[in-house]
Protein backbone atom coordinates (compact mmCIF):
# COMPACT_ATOMS: atom_id res chain seq x y z
CA THR A 1 -42.15 10.17 -8.79
CA ASN A 2 -45.88 10.29 -8.15
CA VAL A 3 -46.12 6.78 -6.70
CA GLU A 4 -49.80 5.87 -6.45
CA VAL A 5 -51.34 2.71 -4.99
CA MET A 6 -53.82 1.56 -7.62
CA ALA A 7 -55.32 -1.50 -5.90
CA HIS A 8 -54.91 -4.01 -3.10
CA LEU A 9 -54.91 -7.24 -5.10
CA ASN A 10 -55.03 -9.57 -2.09
CA GLU A 11 -53.58 -9.77 1.43
CA THR A 12 -49.97 -9.81 0.23
CA GLU A 13 -49.94 -7.92 -3.10
CA ILE A 14 -50.56 -4.34 -4.17
CA SER A 15 -50.56 -2.65 -7.57
CA LEU A 16 -48.60 0.62 -7.95
CA ARG A 17 -48.14 3.17 -10.71
CA SER A 18 -45.28 5.69 -10.92
CA ASN A 19 -43.79 8.11 -13.45
CA PHE A 20 -40.13 8.52 -14.38
CA LEU A 21 -37.89 10.95 -16.24
CA ILE A 22 -34.29 9.81 -16.83
CA TYR A 23 -31.59 12.02 -18.29
CA ARG A 24 -28.40 10.18 -19.28
CA SER A 25 -25.27 11.79 -20.71
CA HIS A 26 -22.01 10.36 -21.98
CA LEU A 27 -18.91 12.41 -22.76
CA GLU A 28 -19.59 15.91 -24.12
CA TYR A 29 -22.15 15.47 -26.88
CA ASP A 30 -24.09 12.29 -26.23
CA SER A 31 -27.29 12.62 -24.16
CA GLU A 32 -30.63 10.83 -23.95
CA VAL A 33 -33.94 11.33 -22.18
CA PHE A 34 -36.35 8.54 -21.24
CA ALA A 35 -39.83 9.38 -19.96
CA GLY A 36 -42.73 7.14 -19.13
CA MET A 37 -44.46 5.21 -16.39
CA ARG A 38 -44.12 1.95 -14.49
CA ASP A 39 -46.88 -0.40 -13.41
CA ASP A 40 -45.62 -2.61 -10.57
CA VAL A 41 -47.05 -5.41 -8.48
CA LEU A 42 -45.36 -5.61 -5.08
CA ARG A 43 -45.57 -8.73 -2.92
CA ARG A 44 -45.10 -8.71 0.85
CA VAL A 45 -42.43 -11.24 1.84
CA GLY A 46 -41.78 -11.23 5.57
CA ASP A 47 -40.99 -7.65 6.58
CA THR A 48 -40.16 -6.43 3.05
CA TRP A 49 -41.88 -5.67 -0.26
CA GLN A 50 -40.49 -7.32 -3.40
CA ILE A 51 -41.25 -6.62 -7.05
CA ALA A 52 -43.39 -9.46 -8.38
CA LYS A 53 -44.12 -7.88 -11.77
CA ARG A 54 -43.04 -4.72 -13.58
CA THR A 55 -44.34 -3.20 -16.81
CA ILE A 56 -42.47 -0.24 -18.35
CA ILE A 57 -44.33 2.06 -20.73
CA LEU A 58 -42.09 4.56 -22.54
CA ASP A 59 -43.46 7.81 -23.98
CA GLN A 60 -41.18 7.41 -27.01
CA SER A 61 -42.63 5.39 -29.88
CA VAL A 62 -39.13 4.64 -31.26
CA VAL A 63 -36.06 4.03 -29.08
CA THR A 64 -32.96 5.23 -30.97
CA GLN A 65 -30.40 4.88 -28.18
CA LYS A 66 -27.31 2.75 -28.80
CA ASN A 67 -27.91 0.67 -25.67
CA LEU A 68 -30.23 0.38 -22.70
CA GLY A 69 -28.01 -0.14 -19.69
CA ILE A 70 -30.62 1.39 -17.37
CA PHE A 71 -32.74 -0.25 -14.68
CA PHE A 72 -36.06 1.56 -14.92
């Protein structure tokens, strides 16, 4: 959510910032919440935009989940 263009780096790249909130549940009692933001650099390749760089910043200081099978 809240995708914001931060800067035009050059003719083919832009810097973006966005926020995320992910709720994941497994079976009846296992649930997790991930919150944070992403800083992305997108590069124009032909008619499409591709991710050139991605930085994930989690709000949690300690990640206690058993695994991270999530594409942020």
